[in-house]
Amino acid sequence: MNKKEIEKFLLNYLIKKEGKKVTKILYKQNLLESGIIDSLDLVTISIEIEKNFNIKLNPNSDKTLQNFIYFKDAIDYIYSIKSGK
């Protein structure tokens, strides 16, 4: 698993949820404040990440919330958990 696979996974999830228009703002917006991702999405994403990448994310932890503020940070966070960094 690499960062591109994680990015593709998250991008596909958000496109299904928000439509293709989300790709224009995804890399610039605060995902939580803008409503692109909410608490239910964090739970769903965590479950899907566990299924697809065999990684456990706690959607209720402050660390997860902080790392899902921006799209790039979410990718880096998931990758760091998988790679053990």
PDB file of N, CA and C in Angstrom:
ATOM      1  N   MET A   1       0.833  -1.173   0.000  1.00  0.00           N
ATOM      2  CA  MET A   1       0.000   0.000   0.000  1.00  0.00           C
ATOM      3  C   MET A   1       0.884   1.245   0.000  1.00  0.00           C
ATOM      4  N   ASN A   2       0.547   2.182  -0.861  1.00  0.00           N
ATOM      5  CA  ASN A   2       1.281   3.436  -0.899  1.00  0.00           C
ATOM      6  C   ASN A   2       0.309   4.608  -0.772  1.00  0.00           C
ATOM      7  N   LYS A   3       0.864   5.813  -0.746  1.00  0.00           N
ATOM      8  CA  LYS A   3       0.028   6.999  -0.552  1.00  0.00           C
ATOM      9  C   LYS A   3      -0.967   7.197  -1.691  1.00  0.00           C
ATOM     10  N   LYS A   4      -0.582   6.830  -2.900  1.00  0.00           N
ATOM     11  CA  LYS A   4      -1.489   6.984  -4.051  1.00  0.00           C
ATOM     12  C   LYS A   4      -2.733   6.105  -3.891  1.00  0.00           C
ATOM     13  N   GLU A   5      -2.548   4.889  -3.369  1.00  0.00           N
ATOM     14  CA  GLU A   5      -3.692   3.995  -3.143  1.00  0.00           C
ATOM     15  C   GLU A   5      -4.633   4.568  -2.084  1.00  0.00           C
ATOM     16  N   ILE A   6      -4.051   5.126  -1.038  1.00  0.00           N
ATOM     17  CA  ILE A   6      -4.856   5.740   0.021  1.00  0.00           C
ATOM     18  C   ILE A   6      -5.599   6.953  -0.533  1.00  0.00           C
ATOM     19  N   GLU A   7      -4.887   7.782  -1.290  1.00  0.00           N
ATOM     20  CA  GLU A   7      -5.507   8.957  -1.889  1.00  0.00           C
ATOM     21  C   GLU A   7      -6.674   8.569  -2.797  1.00  0.00           C
ATOM     22  N   LYS A   8      -6.469   7.560  -3.613  1.00  0.00           N
ATOM     23  CA  LYS A   8      -7.517   7.097  -4.529  1.00  0.00           C
ATOM     24  C   LYS A   8      -8.736   6.593  -3.744  1.00  0.00           C
ATOM     25  N   PHE A   9      -8.483   5.828  -2.683  1.00  0.00           N
ATOM     26  CA  PHE A   9      -9.559   5.308  -1.849  1.00  0.00           C
ATOM     27  C   PHE A   9     -10.382   6.445  -1.245  1.00  0.00           C
ATOM     28  N   LEU A  10      -9.695   7.417  -0.607  1.00  0.00           N
ATOM     29  CA  LEU A  10     -10.403   8.536   0.021  1.00  0.00           C
ATOM     30  C   LEU A  10     -11.114   9.403  -1.015  1.00  0.00           C
ATOM     31  N   LEU A  11     -10.467   9.627  -2.131  1.00  0.00           N
ATOM     32  CA  LEU A  11     -11.066  10.423  -3.196  1.00  0.00           C
ATOM     33  C   LEU A  11     -12.351   9.769  -3.710  1.00  0.00           C
ATOM     34  N   ASN A  12     -12.294   8.477  -3.957  1.00  0.00           N
ATOM     35  CA  ASN A  12     -13.493   7.763  -4.417  1.00  0.00           C
ATOM     36  C   ASN A  12     -14.619   7.836  -3.395  1.00  0.00           C
ATOM     37  N   TYR A  13     -14.285   7.690  -2.124  1.00  0.00           N
ATOM     38  CA  TYR A  13     -15.299   7.787  -1.073  1.00  0.00           C
ATOM     39  C   TYR A  13     -15.967   9.164  -1.100  1.00  0.00           C
ATOM     40  N   LEU A  14     -15.159  10.209  -1.181  1.00  0.00           N
ATOM     41  CA  LEU A  14     -15.701  11.565  -1.128  1.00  0.00           C
ATOM     42  C   LEU A  14     -16.454  11.942  -2.399  1.00  0.00           C
ATOM     43  N   ILE A  15     -16.026  11.425  -3.532  1.00  0.00           N
ATOM     44  CA  ILE A  15     -16.762  11.673  -4.779  1.00  0.00           C
ATOM     45  C   ILE A  15     -18.139  11.010  -4.717  1.00  0.00           C
ATOM     46  N   LYS A  16     -18.199   9.796  -4.182  1.00  0.00           N
ATOM     47  CA  LYS A  16     -19.497   9.125  -4.031  1.00  0.00           C
ATOM     48  C   LYS A  16     -20.414   9.913  -3.099  1.00  0.00           C
ATOM     49  N   LYS A  17     -19.833  10.482  -2.061  1.00  0.00           N
ATOM     50  CA  LYS A  17     -20.621  11.216  -1.073  1.00  0.00           C
ATOM     51  C   LYS A  17     -21.022  12.608  -1.571  1.00  0.00           C
ATOM     52  N   GLU A  18     -20.076  13.343  -2.157  1.00  0.00           N
ATOM     53  CA  GLU A  18     -20.289  14.750  -2.473  1.00  0.00           C
ATOM     54  C   GLU A  18     -20.441  15.057  -3.967  1.00  0.00           C
ATOM     55  N   GLY A  19     -20.051  14.109  -4.825  1.00  0.00           N
ATOM     56  CA  GLY A  19     -20.061  14.367  -6.258  1.00  0.00           C
ATOM     57  C   GLY A  19     -18.689  14.829  -6.741  1.00  0.00           C
ATOM     58  N   LYS A  20     -18.511  14.858  -8.033  1.00  0.00           N
ATOM     59  CA  LYS A  20     -17.200  15.189  -8.611  1.00  0.00           C
ATOM     60  C   LYS A  20     -16.737  16.606  -8.295  1.00  0.00           C
ATOM     61  N   LYS A  21     -17.672  17.489  -7.979  1.00  0.00           N
ATOM     62  CA  LYS A  21     -17.311  18.871  -7.668  1.00  0.00           C
ATOM     63  C   LYS A  21     -16.364  18.963  -6.468  1.00  0.00           C
ATOM     64  N   VAL A  22     -16.382  17.961  -5.619  1.00  0.00           N
ATOM     65  CA  VAL A  22     -15.552  17.982  -4.418  1.00  0.00           C
ATOM     66  C   VAL A  22     -14.056  17.985  -4.767  1.00  0.00           C
ATOM     67  N   THR A  23     -13.692  17.455  -5.918  1.00  0.00           N
ATOM     68  CA  THR A  23     -12.274  17.387  -6.287  1.00  0.00           C
ATOM     69  C   THR A  23     -11.664  18.778  -6.467  1.00  0.00           C
ATOM     70  N   LYS A  24     -12.484  19.772  -6.768  1.00  0.00           N
ATOM     71  CA  LYS A  24     -11.981  21.129  -6.970  1.00  0.00           C
ATOM     72  C   LYS A  24     -11.592  21.810  -5.669  1.00  0.00           C
ATOM     73  N   ILE A  25     -12.189  21.398  -4.570  1.00  0.00           N
ATOM     74  CA  ILE A  25     -11.941  22.065  -3.288  1.00  0.00           C
ATOM     75  C   ILE A  25     -11.239  21.180  -2.257  1.00  0.00           C
ATOM     76  N   LEU A  26     -11.118  19.925  -2.561  1.00  0.00           N
ATOM     77  CA  LEU A  26     -10.655  18.934  -1.602  1.00  0.00           C
ATOM     78  C   LEU A  26      -9.289  19.240  -0.991  1.00  0.00           C
ATOM     79  N   TYR A  27      -8.373  19.717  -1.802  1.00  0.00           N
ATOM     80  CA  TYR A  27      -7.007  19.942  -1.323  1.00  0.00           C
ATOM     81  C   TYR A  27      -6.833  21.292  -0.636  1.00  0.00           C
ATOM     82  N   LYS A  28      -7.884  22.131  -0.643  1.00  0.00           N
ATOM     83  CA  LYS A  28      -7.777  23.471  -0.075  1.00  0.00           C
ATOM     84  C   LYS A  28      -8.623  23.655   1.177  1.00  0.00           C
ATOM     85  N   GLN A  29      -9.704  22.896   1.288  1.00  0.00           N
ATOM     86  CA  GLN A  29     -10.699  23.101   2.349  1.00  0.00           C
ATOM     87  C   GLN A  29     -10.380  22.311   3.623  1.00  0.00           C
ATOM     88  N   ASN A  30     -10.812  22.857   4.741  1.00  0.00           N
ATOM     89  CA  ASN A  30     -10.842  22.123   5.995  1.00  0.00           C
ATOM     90  C   ASN A  30     -12.011  21.146   5.860  1.00  0.00           C
ATOM     91  N   LEU A  31     -11.713  19.856   5.846  1.00  0.00           N
ATOM     92  CA  LEU A  31     -12.731  18.838   5.579  1.00  0.00           C
ATOM     93  C   LEU A  31     -13.829  18.811   6.634  1.00  0.00           C
ATOM     94  N   LEU A  32     -13.469  19.050   7.871  1.00  0.00           N
ATOM     95  CA  LEU A  32     -14.446  18.984   8.958  1.00  0.00           C
ATOM     96  C   LEU A  32     -15.296  20.253   9.030  1.00  0.00           C
ATOM     97  N   GLU A  33     -14.661  21.420   8.987  1.00  0.00           N
ATOM     98  CA  GLU A  33     -15.413  22.677   9.076  1.00  0.00           C
ATOM     99  C   GLU A  33     -16.324  22.896   7.873  1.00  0.00           C
ATOM    100  N   SER A  34     -15.883  22.441   6.708  1.00  0.00           N
ATOM    101  CA  SER A  34     -16.681  22.636   5.492  1.00  0.00           C
ATOM    102  C   SER A  34     -17.816  21.620   5.383  1.00  0.00           C
ATOM    103  N   GLY A  35     -17.785  20.584   6.226  1.00  0.00           N
ATOM    104  CA  GLY A  35     -18.829  19.568   6.194  1.00  0.00           C
ATOM    105  C   GLY A  35     -18.602  18.481   5.165  1.00  0.00           C
ATOM    106  N   ILE A  36     -17.446  18.502   4.517  1.00  0.00           N
ATOM    107  CA  ILE A  36     -17.136  17.446   3.555  1.00  0.00           C
ATOM    108  C   ILE A  36     -17.070  16.102   4.273  1.00  0.00           C
ATOM    109  N   ILE A  37     -16.508  16.119   5.477  1.00  0.00           N
ATOM    110  CA  ILE A  37     -16.467  14.926   6.328  1.00  0.00           C
ATOM    111  C   ILE A  37     -17.106  15.290   7.661  1.00  0.00           C
ATOM    112  N   ASP A  38     -17.987  14.415   8.147  1.00  0.00           N
ATOM    113  CA  ASP A  38     -18.564  14.596   9.477  1.00  0.00           C
ATOM    114  C   ASP A  38     -18.216  13.381  10.335  1.00  0.00           C
ATOM    115  N   SER A  39     -18.730  13.323  11.539  1.00  0.00           N
ATOM    116  CA  SER A  39     -18.373  12.244  12.461  1.00  0.00           C
ATOM    117  C   SER A  39     -18.800  10.878  11.942  1.00  0.00           C
ATOM    118  N   LEU A  40     -19.938  10.802  11.296  1.00  0.00           N
ATOM    119  CA  LEU A  40     -20.386   9.532  10.721  1.00  0.00           C
ATOM    120  C   LEU A  40     -19.451   9.086   9.589  1.00  0.00           C
ATOM    121  N   ASP A  41     -18.986  10.039   8.802  1.00  0.00           N
ATOM    122  CA  ASP A  41     -18.029   9.713   7.742  1.00  0.00           C
ATOM    123  C   ASP A  41     -16.736   9.163   8.323  1.00  0.00           C
ATOM    124  N   LEU A  42     -16.281   9.732   9.435  1.00  0.00           N
ATOM    125  CA  LEU A  42     -15.052   9.224  10.054  1.00  0.00           C
ATOM    126  C   LEU A  42     -15.212   7.773  10.494  1.00  0.00           C
ATOM    127  N   VAL A  43     -16.373   7.445  11.018  1.00  0.00           N
ATOM    128  CA  VAL A  43     -16.638   6.054  11.414  1.00  0.00           C
ATOM    129  C   VAL A  43     -16.647   5.159  10.172  1.00  0.00           C
ATOM    130  N   THR A  44     -17.361   5.586   9.138  1.00  0.00           N
ATOM    131  CA  THR A  44     -17.448   4.800   7.908  1.00  0.00           C
ATOM    132  C   THR A  44     -16.084   4.636   7.257  1.00  0.00           C
ATOM    133  N   ILE A  45     -15.338   5.724   7.166  1.00  0.00           N
ATOM    134  CA  ILE A  45     -14.000   5.668   6.569  1.00  0.00           C
ATOM    135  C   ILE A  45     -13.105   4.734   7.383  1.00  0.00           C
ATOM    136  N   SER A  46     -13.180   4.818   8.696  1.00  0.00           N
ATOM    137  CA  SER A  46     -12.362   3.955   9.558  1.00  0.00           C
ATOM    138  C   SER A  46     -12.655   2.479   9.308  1.00  0.00           C
ATOM    139  N   ILE A  47     -13.934   2.144   9.181  1.00  0.00           N
ATOM    140  CA  ILE A  47     -14.323   0.751   8.916  1.00  0.00           C
ATOM    141  C   ILE A  47     -13.822   0.309   7.549  1.00  0.00           C
ATOM    142  N   GLU A  48     -13.988   1.152   6.545  1.00  0.00           N
ATOM    143  CA  GLU A  48     -13.549   0.809   5.187  1.00  0.00           C
ATOM    144  C   GLU A  48     -12.027   0.701   5.087  1.00  0.00           C
ATOM    145  N   ILE A  49     -11.315   1.558   5.796  1.00  0.00           N
ATOM    146  CA  ILE A  49      -9.849   1.486   5.811  1.00  0.00           C
ATOM    147  C   ILE A  49      -9.398   0.186   6.454  1.00  0.00           C
ATOM    148  N   GLU A  50     -10.068  -0.191   7.532  1.00  0.00           N
ATOM    149  CA  GLU A  50      -9.725  -1.450   8.188  1.00  0.00           C
ATOM    150  C   GLU A  50      -9.942  -2.631   7.238  1.00  0.00           C
ATOM    151  N   LYS A  51     -11.059  -2.622   6.508  1.00  0.00           N
ATOM    152  CA  LYS A  51     -11.345  -3.708   5.559  1.00  0.00           C
ATOM    153  C   LYS A  51     -10.357  -3.728   4.392  1.00  0.00           C
ATOM    154  N   ASN A  52     -10.079  -2.558   3.831  1.00  0.00           N
ATOM    155  CA  ASN A  52      -9.262  -2.486   2.627  1.00  0.00           C
ATOM    156  C   ASN A  52      -7.756  -2.537   2.875  1.00  0.00           C
ATOM    157  N   PHE A  53      -7.318  -1.944   3.980  1.00  0.00           N
ATOM    158  CA  PHE A  53      -5.879  -1.818   4.212  1.00  0.00           C
ATOM    159  C   PHE A  53      -5.399  -2.507   5.486  1.00  0.00           C
ATOM    160  N   ASN A  54      -6.326  -3.129   6.227  1.00  0.00           N
ATOM    161  CA  ASN A  54      -5.984  -3.811   7.472  1.00  0.00           C
ATOM    162  C   ASN A  54      -5.312  -2.864   8.471  1.00  0.00           C
ATOM    163  N   ILE A  55      -5.907  -1.686   8.607  1.00  0.00           N
ATOM    164  CA  ILE A  55      -5.413  -0.664   9.531  1.00  0.00           C
ATOM    165  C   ILE A  55      -6.561  -0.295  10.462  1.00  0.00           C
ATOM    166  N   LYS A  56      -6.263  -0.190  11.747  1.00  0.00           N
ATOM    167  CA  LYS A  56      -7.287   0.235  12.708  1.00  0.00           C
ATOM    168  C   LYS A  56      -7.127   1.723  12.992  1.00  0.00           C
ATOM    169  N   LEU A  57      -8.191   2.466  12.747  1.00  0.00           N
ATOM    170  CA  LEU A  57      -8.255   3.882  13.100  1.00  0.00           C
ATOM    171  C   LEU A  57      -9.340   4.057  14.142  1.00  0.00           C
ATOM    172  N   ASN A  58      -9.074   4.862  15.137  1.00  0.00           N
ATOM    173  CA  ASN A  58     -10.095   5.183  16.121  1.00  0.00           C
ATOM    174  C   ASN A  58     -10.739   6.503  15.703  1.00  0.00           C
ATOM    175  N   PRO A  59     -11.963   6.470  15.172  1.00  0.00           N
ATOM    176  CA  PRO A  59     -12.584   7.699  14.679  1.00  0.00           C
ATOM    177  C   PRO A  59     -12.910   8.699  15.782  1.00  0.00           C
ATOM    178  N   ASN A  60     -12.850   8.264  17.045  1.00  0.00           N
ATOM    179  CA  ASN A  60     -13.168   9.149  18.166  1.00  0.00           C
ATOM    180  C   ASN A  60     -11.940   9.790  18.806  1.00  0.00           C
ATOM    181  N   SER A  61     -10.752   9.402  18.357  1.00  0.00           N
ATOM    182  CA  SER A  61      -9.555   9.946  18.997  1.00  0.00           C
ATOM    183  C   SER A  61      -9.244  11.343  18.470  1.00  0.00           C
ATOM    184  N   ASP A  62      -8.673  12.158  19.345  1.00  0.00           N
ATOM    185  CA  ASP A  62      -8.281  13.511  18.948  1.00  0.00           C
ATOM    186  C   ASP A  62      -7.249  13.481  17.828  1.00  0.00           C
ATOM    187  N   LYS A  63      -6.357  12.510  17.878  1.00  0.00           N
ATOM    188  CA  LYS A  63      -5.319  12.405  16.852  1.00  0.00           C
ATOM    189  C   LYS A  63      -5.936  12.162  15.473  1.00  0.00           C
ATOM    190  N   THR A  64      -6.926  11.287  15.397  1.00  0.00           N
ATOM    191  CA  THR A  64      -7.600  11.030  14.121  1.00  0.00           C
ATOM    192  C   THR A  64      -8.320  12.285  13.648  1.00  0.00           C
ATOM    193  N   LEU A  65      -9.041  12.939  14.541  1.00  0.00           N
ATOM    194  CA  LEU A  65      -9.754  14.168  14.171  1.00  0.00           C
ATOM    195  C   LEU A  65      -8.792  15.231  13.652  1.00  0.00           C
ATOM    196  N   GLN A  66      -7.680  15.415  14.335  1.00  0.00           N
ATOM    197  CA  GLN A  66      -6.696  16.414  13.904  1.00  0.00           C
ATOM    198  C   GLN A  66      -6.114  16.092  12.540  1.00  0.00           C
ATOM    199  N   ASN A  67      -5.948  14.819  12.263  1.00  0.00           N
ATOM    200  CA  ASN A  67      -5.335  14.419  10.994  1.00  0.00           C
ATOM    201  C   ASN A  67      -6.329  14.319   9.842  1.00  0.00           C
ATOM    202  N   PHE A  68      -7.598  14.479  10.115  1.00  0.00           N
ATOM    203  CA  PHE A  68      -8.592  14.487   9.046  1.00  0.00           C
ATOM    204  C   PHE A  68      -9.113  15.897   8.755  1.00  0.00           C
ATOM    205  N   ILE A  69      -8.409  16.901   9.235  1.00  0.00           N
ATOM    206  CA  ILE A  69      -8.810  18.271   8.932  1.00  0.00           C
ATOM    207  C   ILE A  69      -8.546  18.575   7.458  1.00  0.00           C
ATOM    208  N   TYR A  70      -7.388  18.148   6.977  1.00  0.00           N
ATOM    209  CA  TYR A  70      -7.042  18.374   5.572  1.00  0.00           C
ATOM    210  C   TYR A  70      -6.791  17.049   4.873  1.00  0.00           C
ATOM    211  N   PHE A  71      -7.152  17.001   3.609  1.00  0.00           N
ATOM    212  CA  PHE A  71      -7.087  15.774   2.815  1.00  0.00           C
ATOM    213  C   PHE A  71      -5.684  15.173   2.806  1.00  0.00           C
ATOM    214  N   LYS A  72      -4.682  15.992   2.539  1.00  0.00           N
ATOM    215  CA  LYS A  72      -3.302  15.491   2.479  1.00  0.00           C
ATOM    216  C   LYS A  72      -2.865  14.938   3.839  1.00  0.00           C
ATOM    217  N   ASP A  73      -3.268  15.610   4.902  1.00  0.00           N
ATOM    218  CA  ASP A  73      -2.924  15.130   6.248  1.00  0.00           C
ATOM    219  C   ASP A  73      -3.549  13.768   6.529  1.00  0.00           C
ATOM    220  N   ALA A  74      -4.772  13.553   6.065  1.00  0.00           N
ATOM    221  CA  ALA A  74      -5.444  12.266   6.256  1.00  0.00           C
ATOM    222  C   ALA A  74      -4.673  11.155   5.539  1.00  0.00           C
ATOM    223  N   ILE A  75      -4.237  11.431   4.326  1.00  0.00           N
ATOM    224  CA  ILE A  75      -3.456  10.444   3.566  1.00  0.00           C
ATOM    225  C   ILE A  75      -2.164  10.125   4.303  1.00  0.00           C
ATOM    226  N   ASP A  76      -1.449  11.155   4.720  1.00  0.00           N
ATOM    227  CA  ASP A  76      -0.180  10.963   5.441  1.00  0.00           C
ATOM    228  C   ASP A  76      -0.389  10.196   6.745  1.00  0.00           C
ATOM    229  N   TYR A  77      -1.468  10.507   7.451  1.00  0.00           N
ATOM    230  CA  TYR A  77      -1.770   9.849   8.727  1.00  0.00           C
ATOM    231  C   TYR A  77      -2.031   8.351   8.533  1.00  0.00           C
ATOM    232  N   ILE A  78      -2.865   8.017   7.565  1.00  0.00           N
ATOM    233  CA  ILE A  78      -3.157   6.615   7.303  1.00  0.00           C
ATOM    234  C   ILE A  78      -1.897   5.879   6.873  1.00  0.00           C
ATOM    235  N   TYR A  79      -1.116   6.513   6.025  1.00  0.00           N
ATOM    236  CA  TYR A  79       0.130   5.891   5.566  1.00  0.00           C
ATOM    237  C   TYR A  79       1.099   5.693   6.732  1.00  0.00           C
ATOM    238  N   SER A  80       1.179   6.645   7.619  1.00  0.00           N
ATOM    239  CA  SER A  80       2.116   6.532   8.759  1.00  0.00           C
ATOM    240  C   SER A  80       1.706   5.388   9.690  1.00  0.00           C
ATOM    241  N   ILE A  81       0.409   5.176   9.858  1.00  0.00           N
ATOM    242  CA  ILE A  81      -0.048   4.053  10.688  1.00  0.00           C
ATOM    243  C   ILE A  81       0.325   2.724  10.031  1.00  0.00           C
ATOM    244  N   LYS A  82       0.078   2.627   8.739  1.00  0.00           N
ATOM    245  CA  LYS A  82       0.376   1.383   8.016  1.00  0.00           C
ATOM    246  C   LYS A  82       1.870   1.097   7.987  1.00  0.00           C
ATOM    247  N   SER A  83       2.664   2.134   7.798  1.00  0.00           N
ATOM    248  CA  SER A  83       4.104   1.921   7.686  1.00  0.00           C
ATOM    249  C   SER A  83       4.789   1.905   9.052  1.00  0.00           C
ATOM    250  N   GLY A  84       4.040   2.206  10.113  1.00  0.00           N
ATOM    251  CA  GLY A  84       4.593   2.162  11.465  1.00  0.00           C
ATOM    252  C   GLY A  84       5.486   3.323  11.802  1.00  0.00           C
ATOM    253  N   LYS A  85       5.318   4.449  11.094  1.00  0.00           N
ATOM    254  CA  LYS A  85       6.174   5.619  11.352  1.00  0.00           C
ATOM    255  C   LYS A  85       5.511   6.585  12.300  1.00  0.00           C
TER     256      LYS A  85
END
